[in-house]
């Protein structure tokens, strides 16, 4: 399969600072990251930057090691969490900073994804969109438990309350899962600045009908801004041909 990909980020309409970060492995398309920081302008920016850089460095340095891919991914995110905690101890003014993260890797004929927080991974297959990750939010937990409906979750006042993020000593779970990717699939990694403004049905339409990853990414960001652009918007699209 041939892999095509693009990453784009936008500050949005309301915010003055972009606290999102992303990474695409331009040389080989081995892995992709989206992180959405929080904790004030400087803190959020720094947390997502630290996480993205720490994960990138760990994956590159250990890519050819004997570590199984799920262990490699787990350790990369653990390293990112520890790096943020170390920065917090050195800079008390950033003590409450944190970040979400979603990562996809393609290694050893197997794809894996991992996430913490509410940045999401979607897969489009045969024009049907599926959300692969579950949001680590109070609302996400309530939805999974069947306590609220998907419609209620969409507008719930607590939908932004994270149940976990990087930058916490009590980080108790990193969600890891093997990822089934076939020829013709499109993957979307994104921050909640997209999903807060653009519905899954709209995302499905753009990913299905836009001819290139670049066009789809630009259209998704434009749609989020047109709908209000209340947060930073980051999208990474990966297409398997």
C-alpha atoms as a PDB file:
ATOM      1  CA  UNK A   1       0.000   0.000   0.000  1.00  0.00           C
ATOM      2  CA  UNK A   2       1.058   3.548  -0.693  1.00  0.00           C
ATOM      3  CA  UNK A   3       0.588   5.971   2.191  1.00  0.00           C
ATOM      4  CA  UNK A   4      -0.332   9.629   1.695  1.00  0.00           C
ATOM      5  CA  UNK A   5      -0.730  12.071   4.575  1.00  0.00           C
ATOM      6  CA  UNK A   6      -0.997  15.699   5.653  1.00  0.00           C
ATOM      7  CA  UNK A   7      -1.090  17.621   8.918  1.00  0.00           C
ATOM      8  CA  UNK A   8      -2.589  21.089   9.380  1.00  0.00           C
ATOM      9  CA  UNK A   9      -3.327  23.255  12.408  1.00  0.00           C
ATOM     10  CA  UNK A  10      -5.172  26.549  12.843  1.00  0.00           C
ATOM     11  CA  UNK A  11      -5.607  28.862  15.829  1.00  0.00           C
ATOM     12  CA  UNK A  12      -9.317  29.233  15.081  1.00  0.00           C
ATOM     13  CA  UNK A  13     -11.458  32.348  15.338  1.00  0.00           C
ATOM     14  CA  UNK A  14     -11.653  32.954  19.095  1.00  0.00           C
ATOM     15  CA  UNK A  15      -8.258  31.963  20.542  1.00  0.00           C
ATOM     16  CA  UNK A  16      -5.147  34.101  20.104  1.00  0.00           C
ATOM     17  CA  UNK A  17      -2.645  31.303  20.815  1.00  0.00           C
ATOM     18  CA  UNK A  18      -2.478  27.804  19.335  1.00  0.00           C
ATOM     19  CA  UNK A  19      -1.998  25.226  22.105  1.00  0.00           C
ATOM     20  CA  UNK A  20      -2.180  22.266  19.690  1.00  0.00           C
ATOM     21  CA  UNK A  21       0.815  20.443  18.277  1.00  0.00           C
ATOM     22  CA  UNK A  22       1.145  17.635  15.755  1.00  0.00           C
ATOM     23  CA  UNK A  23       3.774  15.522  14.042  1.00  0.00           C
ATOM     24  CA  UNK A  24       3.808  13.664  10.743  1.00  0.00           C
ATOM     25  CA  UNK A  25       6.743  11.462   9.802  1.00  0.00           C
ATOM     26  CA  UNK A  26       7.417  13.121   6.469  1.00  0.00           C
ATOM     27  CA  UNK A  27      10.252  10.823   5.443  1.00  0.00           C
ATOM     28  CA  UNK A  28       8.641   7.418   5.926  1.00  0.00           C
ATOM     29  CA  UNK A  29       5.076   7.872   7.222  1.00  0.00           C
ATOM     30  CA  UNK A  30       5.788   5.594  10.195  1.00  0.00           C
ATOM     31  CA  UNK A  31       3.847   7.463  12.868  1.00  0.00           C
ATOM     32  CA  UNK A  32       1.533  10.428  13.471  1.00  0.00           C
ATOM     33  CA  UNK A  33       0.670  12.503  16.557  1.00  0.00           C
ATOM     34  CA  UNK A  34      -1.901  15.123  17.589  1.00  0.00           C
ATOM     35  CA  UNK A  35      -1.738  16.795  21.019  1.00  0.00           C
ATOM     36  CA  UNK A  36      -4.060  19.433  22.493  1.00  0.00           C
ATOM     37  CA  UNK A  37      -2.611  21.357  25.433  1.00  0.00           C
ATOM     38  CA  UNK A  38      -4.323  22.991  28.395  1.00  0.00           C
ATOM     39  CA  UNK A  39      -3.335  25.041  31.419  1.00  0.00           C
ATOM     40  CA  UNK A  40      -3.113  28.622  30.214  1.00  0.00           C
ATOM     41  CA  UNK A  41      -1.590  29.926  27.015  1.00  0.00           C
ATOM     42  CA  UNK A  42       2.057  29.240  27.855  1.00  0.00           C
ATOM     43  CA  UNK A  43       1.324  26.026  29.756  1.00  0.00           C
ATOM     44  CA  UNK A  44      -0.892  24.477  27.117  1.00  0.00           C
ATOM     45  CA  UNK A  45       1.515  25.287  24.332  1.00  0.00           C
ATOM     46  CA  UNK A  46       4.425  23.887  26.292  1.00  0.00           C
ATOM     47  CA  UNK A  47       2.664  20.689  27.384  1.00  0.00           C
ATOM     48  CA  UNK A  48       1.587  19.689  23.876  1.00  0.00           C
ATOM     49  CA  UNK A  49       5.025  20.605  22.514  1.00  0.00           C
ATOM     50  CA  UNK A  50       6.835  18.547  25.167  1.00  0.00           C
ATOM     51  CA  UNK A  51       4.561  15.558  24.585  1.00  0.00           C
ATOM     52  CA  UNK A  52       4.908  15.647  20.814  1.00  0.00           C
ATOM     53  CA  UNK A  53       8.681  16.024  20.935  1.00  0.00           C
ATOM     54  CA  UNK A  54       9.158  13.357  23.625  1.00  0.00           C
ATOM     55  CA  UNK A  55       7.029  10.788  21.807  1.00  0.00           C
ATOM     56  CA  UNK A  56       8.705  11.553  18.486  1.00  0.00           C
ATOM     57  CA  UNK A  57      12.204  11.226  19.938  1.00  0.00           C
ATOM     58  CA  UNK A  58      11.415   7.983  21.758  1.00  0.00           C
ATOM     59  CA  UNK A  59       9.811   6.338  18.741  1.00  0.00           C
ATOM     60  CA  UNK A  60      12.642   7.339  16.400  1.00  0.00           C
ATOM     61  CA  UNK A  61      15.380   6.252  18.828  1.00  0.00           C
ATOM     62  CA  UNK A  62      13.762   2.894  19.583  1.00  0.00           C
ATOM     63  CA  UNK A  63      12.015   2.110  16.298  1.00  0.00           C
ATOM     64  CA  UNK A  64      14.381  -0.706  15.376  1.00  0.00           C
ATOM     65  CA  UNK A  65      14.525  -2.164  18.882  1.00  0.00           C
ATOM     66  CA  UNK A  66      13.107  -5.571  19.828  1.00  0.00           C
ATOM     67  CA  UNK A  67      10.287  -3.963  21.823  1.00  0.00           C
ATOM     68  CA  UNK A  68       6.808  -5.069  20.683  1.00  0.00           C
ATOM     69  CA  UNK A  69       4.935  -2.194  19.078  1.00  0.00           C
ATOM     70  CA  UNK A  70       2.386  -1.853  21.871  1.00  0.00           C
ATOM     71  CA  UNK A  71       5.142  -1.694  24.490  1.00  0.00           C
ATOM     72  CA  UNK A  72       7.071   0.822  22.391  1.00  0.00           C
ATOM     73  CA  UNK A  73       4.002   3.027  22.151  1.00  0.00           C
ATOM     74  CA  UNK A  74       3.197   2.681  25.869  1.00  0.00           C
ATOM     75  CA  UNK A  75       6.734   3.627  26.848  1.00  0.00           C
ATOM     76  CA  UNK A  76       6.782   6.594  24.458  1.00  0.00           C
ATOM     77  CA  UNK A  77       3.673   8.078  26.052  1.00  0.00           C
ATOM     78  CA  UNK A  78       4.933   7.298  29.567  1.00  0.00           C
ATOM     79  CA  UNK A  79       8.098   9.191  28.645  1.00  0.00           C
ATOM     80  CA  UNK A  80       6.028  12.153  27.452  1.00  0.00           C
ATOM     81  CA  UNK A  81       4.072  12.212  30.710  1.00  0.00           C
ATOM     82  CA  UNK A  82       7.272  12.116  32.754  1.00  0.00           C
ATOM     83  CA  UNK A  83       8.801  14.914  30.652  1.00  0.00           C
ATOM     84  CA  UNK A  84       5.809  17.152  31.347  1.00  0.00           C
ATOM     85  CA  UNK A  85       5.979  16.377  35.087  1.00  0.00           C
ATOM     86  CA  UNK A  86       9.686  17.264  35.123  1.00  0.00           C
ATOM     87  CA  UNK A  87       8.970  20.576  33.394  1.00  0.00           C
ATOM     88  CA  UNK A  88       6.209  21.323  35.910  1.00  0.00           C
ATOM     89  CA  UNK A  89       8.638  20.817  38.795  1.00  0.00           C
ATOM     90  CA  UNK A  90      11.148  23.177  37.170  1.00  0.00           C
ATOM     91  CA  UNK A  91       8.516  25.791  36.256  1.00  0.00           C
ATOM     92  CA  UNK A  92       5.861  26.015  39.010  1.00  0.00           C
ATOM     93  CA  UNK A  93       3.968  28.622  36.998  1.00  0.00           C
ATOM     94  CA  UNK A  94       3.125  25.802  34.567  1.00  0.00           C
ATOM     95  CA  UNK A  95       2.205  23.354  37.325  1.00  0.00           C
ATOM     96  CA  UNK A  96      -1.348  22.797  36.082  1.00  0.00           C
ATOM     97  CA  UNK A  97      -0.490  22.280  32.424  1.00  0.00           C
ATOM     98  CA  UNK A  98      -1.449  19.090  30.644  1.00  0.00           C
ATOM     99  CA  UNK A  99      -2.262  17.746  27.213  1.00  0.00           C
ATOM    100  CA  UNK A 100      -4.284  15.164  25.369  1.00  0.00           C
ATOM    101  CA  UNK A 101      -2.570  13.001  22.788  1.00  0.00           C
ATOM    102  CA  UNK A 102      -3.495  10.538  20.056  1.00  0.00           C
ATOM    103  CA  UNK A 103      -0.818   8.529  18.232  1.00  0.00           C
ATOM    104  CA  UNK A 104      -0.865   6.059  15.330  1.00  0.00           C
ATOM    105  CA  UNK A 105       2.151   3.926  14.395  1.00  0.00           C
ATOM    106  CA  UNK A 106       2.756   1.606  11.428  1.00  0.00           C
ATOM    107  CA  UNK A 107       5.392  -0.965  12.421  1.00  0.00           C
ATOM    108  CA  UNK A 108       6.147  -4.639  11.812  1.00  0.00           C
ATOM    109  CA  UNK A 109       3.177  -5.153   9.470  1.00  0.00           C
ATOM    110  CA  UNK A 110       0.883  -4.073  12.313  1.00  0.00           C
ATOM    111  CA  UNK A 111      -0.720  -0.721  13.084  1.00  0.00           C
ATOM    112  CA  UNK A 112      -1.373   0.485  16.621  1.00  0.00           C
ATOM    113  CA  UNK A 113      -3.052   3.528  18.114  1.00  0.00           C
ATOM    114  CA  UNK A 114      -2.891   5.034  21.587  1.00  0.00           C
ATOM    115  CA  UNK A 115      -4.609   7.983  23.178  1.00  0.00           C
ATOM    116  CA  UNK A 116      -5.088   9.909  26.385  1.00  0.00           C
ATOM    117  CA  UNK A 117      -7.837  12.526  26.658  1.00  0.00           C
ATOM    118  CA  UNK A 118     -10.351  13.579  24.024  1.00  0.00           C
ATOM    119  CA  UNK A 119      -8.294  14.031  20.881  1.00  0.00           C
ATOM    120  CA  UNK A 120      -9.720  11.445  18.519  1.00  0.00           C
ATOM    121  CA  UNK A 121      -8.906   8.891  15.850  1.00  0.00           C
ATOM    122  CA  UNK A 122     -11.461   8.151  13.118  1.00  0.00           C
ATOM    123  CA  UNK A 123     -11.333   5.641  10.282  1.00  0.00           C
ATOM    124  CA  UNK A 124     -13.213   6.044   7.018  1.00  0.00           C
ATOM    125  CA  UNK A 125     -13.805   2.758   5.173  1.00  0.00           C
ATOM    126  CA  UNK A 126     -16.114   2.314   2.204  1.00  0.00           C
ATOM    127  CA  UNK A 127     -17.491   5.829   2.824  1.00  0.00           C
ATOM    128  CA  UNK A 128     -18.473   4.892   6.407  1.00  0.00           C
ATOM    129  CA  UNK A 129     -16.919   6.767   9.316  1.00  0.00           C
ATOM    130  CA  UNK A 130     -16.054   5.062  12.610  1.00  0.00           C
ATOM    131  CA  UNK A 131     -14.694   6.708  15.749  1.00  0.00           C
ATOM    132  CA  UNK A 132     -11.898   4.394  16.903  1.00  0.00           C
ATOM    133  CA  UNK A 133     -11.036   6.055  20.220  1.00  0.00           C
ATOM    134  CA  UNK A 134     -13.268   6.676  23.244  1.00  0.00           C
ATOM    135  CA  UNK A 135     -13.035  10.124  24.825  1.00  0.00           C
ATOM    136  CA  UNK A 136     -11.410  10.166  28.261  1.00  0.00           C
ATOM    137  CA  UNK A 137     -13.976  12.616  29.618  1.00  0.00           C
ATOM    138  CA  UNK A 138     -16.715  12.469  32.224  1.00  0.00           C
ATOM    139  CA  UNK A 139     -19.249  12.477  29.396  1.00  0.00           C
ATOM    140  CA  UNK A 140     -17.319   9.795  27.516  1.00  0.00           C
ATOM    141  CA  UNK A 141     -17.415   7.515  30.538  1.00  0.00           C
ATOM    142  CA  UNK A 142     -21.148   8.171  31.034  1.00  0.00           C
ATOM    143  CA  UNK A 143     -21.809   7.457  27.361  1.00  0.00           C
ATOM    144  CA  UNK A 144     -19.852   4.195  27.469  1.00  0.00           C
ATOM    145  CA  UNK A 145     -21.789   3.152  30.587  1.00  0.00           C
ATOM    146  CA  UNK A 146     -25.095   3.869  28.836  1.00  0.00           C
ATOM    147  CA  UNK A 147     -26.005   6.613  31.298  1.00  0.00           C
ATOM    148  CA  UNK A 148     -26.512   9.237  28.583  1.00  0.00           C
ATOM    149  CA  UNK A 149     -27.232   9.111  24.847  1.00  0.00           C
ATOM    150  CA  UNK A 150     -24.909  10.219  22.060  1.00  0.00           C
ATOM    151  CA  UNK A 151     -27.231  13.179  21.432  1.00  0.00           C
ATOM    152  CA  UNK A 152     -27.074  14.198  25.099  1.00  0.00           C
ATOM    153  CA  UNK A 153     -23.291  13.838  25.112  1.00  0.00           C
ATOM    154  CA  UNK A 154     -22.928  16.203  22.171  1.00  0.00           C
ATOM    155  CA  UNK A 155     -24.306  19.156  24.137  1.00  0.00           C
ATOM    156  CA  UNK A 156     -23.621  18.140  27.736  1.00  0.00           C
ATOM    157  CA  UNK A 157     -22.122  21.001  29.822  1.00  0.00           C
ATOM    158  CA  UNK A 158     -19.455  18.633  31.198  1.00  0.00           C
ATOM    159  CA  UNK A 159     -18.324  17.318  27.817  1.00  0.00           C
ATOM    160  CA  UNK A 160     -14.936  19.065  28.128  1.00  0.00           C
ATOM    161  CA  UNK A 161     -14.129  17.719  31.606  1.00  0.00           C
ATOM    162  CA  UNK A 162     -11.260  15.270  31.061  1.00  0.00           C
ATOM    163  CA  UNK A 163     -11.013  12.116  33.132  1.00  0.00           C
ATOM    164  CA  UNK A 164      -7.299  11.936  32.358  1.00  0.00           C
ATOM    165  CA  UNK A 165      -4.539  13.696  30.436  1.00  0.00           C
ATOM    166  CA  UNK A 166      -0.766  13.773  30.229  1.00  0.00           C
ATOM    167  CA  UNK A 167       0.925  15.868  32.885  1.00  0.00           C
ATOM    168  CA  UNK A 168      -0.584  14.089  35.895  1.00  0.00           C
ATOM    169  CA  UNK A 169       1.145  11.868  38.456  1.00  0.00           C
ATOM    170  CA  UNK A 170      -2.025   9.795  38.711  1.00  0.00           C
ATOM    171  CA  UNK A 171      -2.168   8.919  35.004  1.00  0.00           C
ATOM    172  CA  UNK A 172      -3.624   5.451  35.393  1.00  0.00           C
ATOM    173  CA  UNK A 173      -4.409   4.254  31.902  1.00  0.00           C
ATOM    174  CA  UNK A 174      -3.139   4.786  28.385  1.00  0.00           C
ATOM    175  CA  UNK A 175      -5.618   3.337  25.898  1.00  0.00           C
ATOM    176  CA  UNK A 176      -3.801   1.091  23.414  1.00  0.00           C
ATOM    177  CA  UNK A 177      -5.307  -0.994  20.649  1.00  0.00           C
ATOM    178  CA  UNK A 178      -4.230  -2.694  17.417  1.00  0.00           C
ATOM    179  CA  UNK A 179      -5.554  -0.857  14.396  1.00  0.00           C
ATOM    180  CA  UNK A 180      -6.987  -2.564  11.325  1.00  0.00           C
ATOM    181  CA  UNK A 181      -5.990  -0.563   8.247  1.00  0.00           C
ATOM    182  CA  UNK A 182      -6.831  -1.659   4.713  1.00  0.00           C
ATOM    183  CA  UNK A 183      -6.205  -0.271   1.263  1.00  0.00           C
ATOM    184  CA  UNK A 184      -8.645   2.574   0.620  1.00  0.00           C
ATOM    185  CA  UNK A 185      -8.969   3.577   4.277  1.00  0.00           C
ATOM    186  CA  UNK A 186      -8.546   7.139   5.486  1.00  0.00           C
ATOM    187  CA  UNK A 187      -7.528   7.878   9.067  1.00  0.00           C
ATOM    188  CA  UNK A 188      -8.194  11.184  10.814  1.00  0.00           C
ATOM    189  CA  UNK A 189      -6.402  12.240  13.988  1.00  0.00           C
ATOM    190  CA  UNK A 190      -7.823  15.486  15.372  1.00  0.00           C
ATOM    191  CA  UNK A 191      -8.153  17.769  18.368  1.00  0.00           C
ATOM    192  CA  UNK A 192     -11.572  18.591  19.809  1.00  0.00           C
ATOM    193  CA  UNK A 193     -11.449  21.981  18.113  1.00  0.00           C
ATOM    194  CA  UNK A 194     -12.636  20.086  15.042  1.00  0.00           C
ATOM    195  CA  UNK A 195     -15.174  17.726  16.608  1.00  0.00           C
ATOM    196  CA  UNK A 196     -16.763  20.438  18.731  1.00  0.00           C
ATOM    197  CA  UNK A 197     -17.721  22.345  15.582  1.00  0.00           C
ATOM    198  CA  UNK A 198     -18.041  19.702  12.854  1.00  0.00           C
ATOM    199  CA  UNK A 199     -20.367  16.698  13.109  1.00  0.00           C
ATOM    200  CA  UNK A 200     -19.352  13.126  12.320  1.00  0.00           C
ATOM    201  CA  UNK A 201     -21.654  13.226   9.304  1.00  0.00           C
ATOM    202  CA  UNK A 202     -19.815  16.273   7.967  1.00  0.00           C
ATOM    203  CA  UNK A 203     -16.440  14.677   8.632  1.00  0.00           C
ATOM    204  CA  UNK A 204     -17.570  11.589   6.735  1.00  0.00           C
ATOM    205  CA  UNK A 205     -18.665  13.715   3.773  1.00  0.00           C
ATOM    206  CA  UNK A 206     -15.393  15.633   3.548  1.00  0.00           C
ATOM    207  CA  UNK A 207     -13.208  12.533   3.895  1.00  0.00           C
ATOM    208  CA  UNK A 208     -15.283  10.692   1.298  1.00  0.00           C
ATOM    209  CA  UNK A 209     -15.578  13.360  -1.385  1.00  0.00           C
ATOM    210  CA  UNK A 210     -12.355  15.372  -1.157  1.00  0.00           C
ATOM    211  CA  UNK A 211      -9.888  13.967  -3.661  1.00  0.00           C
ATOM    212  CA  UNK A 212      -6.679  14.584  -1.693  1.00  0.00           C
ATOM    213  CA  UNK A 213      -5.630  14.601   1.959  1.00  0.00           C
ATOM    214  CA  UNK A 214      -4.659  18.261   1.588  1.00  0.00           C
ATOM    215  CA  UNK A 215      -8.099  19.222   0.281  1.00  0.00           C
ATOM    216  CA  UNK A 216      -9.882  17.248   3.010  1.00  0.00           C
ATOM    217  CA  UNK A 217      -7.769  18.817   5.767  1.00  0.00           C
ATOM    218  CA  UNK A 218      -8.322  22.332   4.439  1.00  0.00           C
ATOM    219  CA  UNK A 219     -12.066  21.796   4.085  1.00  0.00           C
ATOM    220  CA  UNK A 220     -12.400  20.373   7.600  1.00  0.00           C
ATOM    221  CA  UNK A 221     -10.572  23.311   9.155  1.00  0.00           C
ATOM    222  CA  UNK A 222     -12.587  25.783   7.092  1.00  0.00           C
ATOM    223  CA  UNK A 223     -15.826  24.123   8.222  1.00  0.00           C
ATOM    224  CA  UNK A 224     -14.795  24.295  11.880  1.00  0.00           C
ATOM    225  CA  UNK A 225     -13.964  27.982  11.557  1.00  0.00           C
ATOM    226  CA  UNK A 226     -17.197  28.702   9.720  1.00  0.00           C
ATOM    227  CA  UNK A 227     -19.121  26.998  12.548  1.00  0.00           C
ATOM    228  CA  UNK A 228     -17.494  29.243  15.150  1.00  0.00           C
ATOM    229  CA  UNK A 229     -13.849  28.245  15.441  1.00  0.00           C
ATOM    230  CA  UNK A 230     -14.026  28.501  19.233  1.00  0.00           C
ATOM    231  CA  UNK A 231     -10.870  26.423  19.805  1.00  0.00           C
ATOM    232  CA  UNK A 232      -7.634  25.537  18.058  1.00  0.00           C
ATOM    233  CA  UNK A 233      -8.177  23.059  15.222  1.00  0.00           C
ATOM    234  CA  UNK A 234      -5.684  20.366  14.260  1.00  0.00           C
ATOM    235  CA  UNK A 235      -6.144  17.545  11.763  1.00  0.00           C
ATOM    236  CA  UNK A 236      -3.814  14.834  10.497  1.00  0.00           C
ATOM    237  CA  UNK A 237      -5.144  12.701   7.637  1.00  0.00           C
ATOM    238  CA  UNK A 238      -3.531   9.449   6.517  1.00  0.00           C
ATOM    239  CA  UNK A 239      -4.726   7.677   3.366  1.00  0.00           C
ATOM    240  CA  UNK A 240      -3.823   4.093   2.459  1.00  0.00           C
ATOM    241  CA  UNK A 241      -4.011   3.476  -1.302  1.00  0.00           C
END
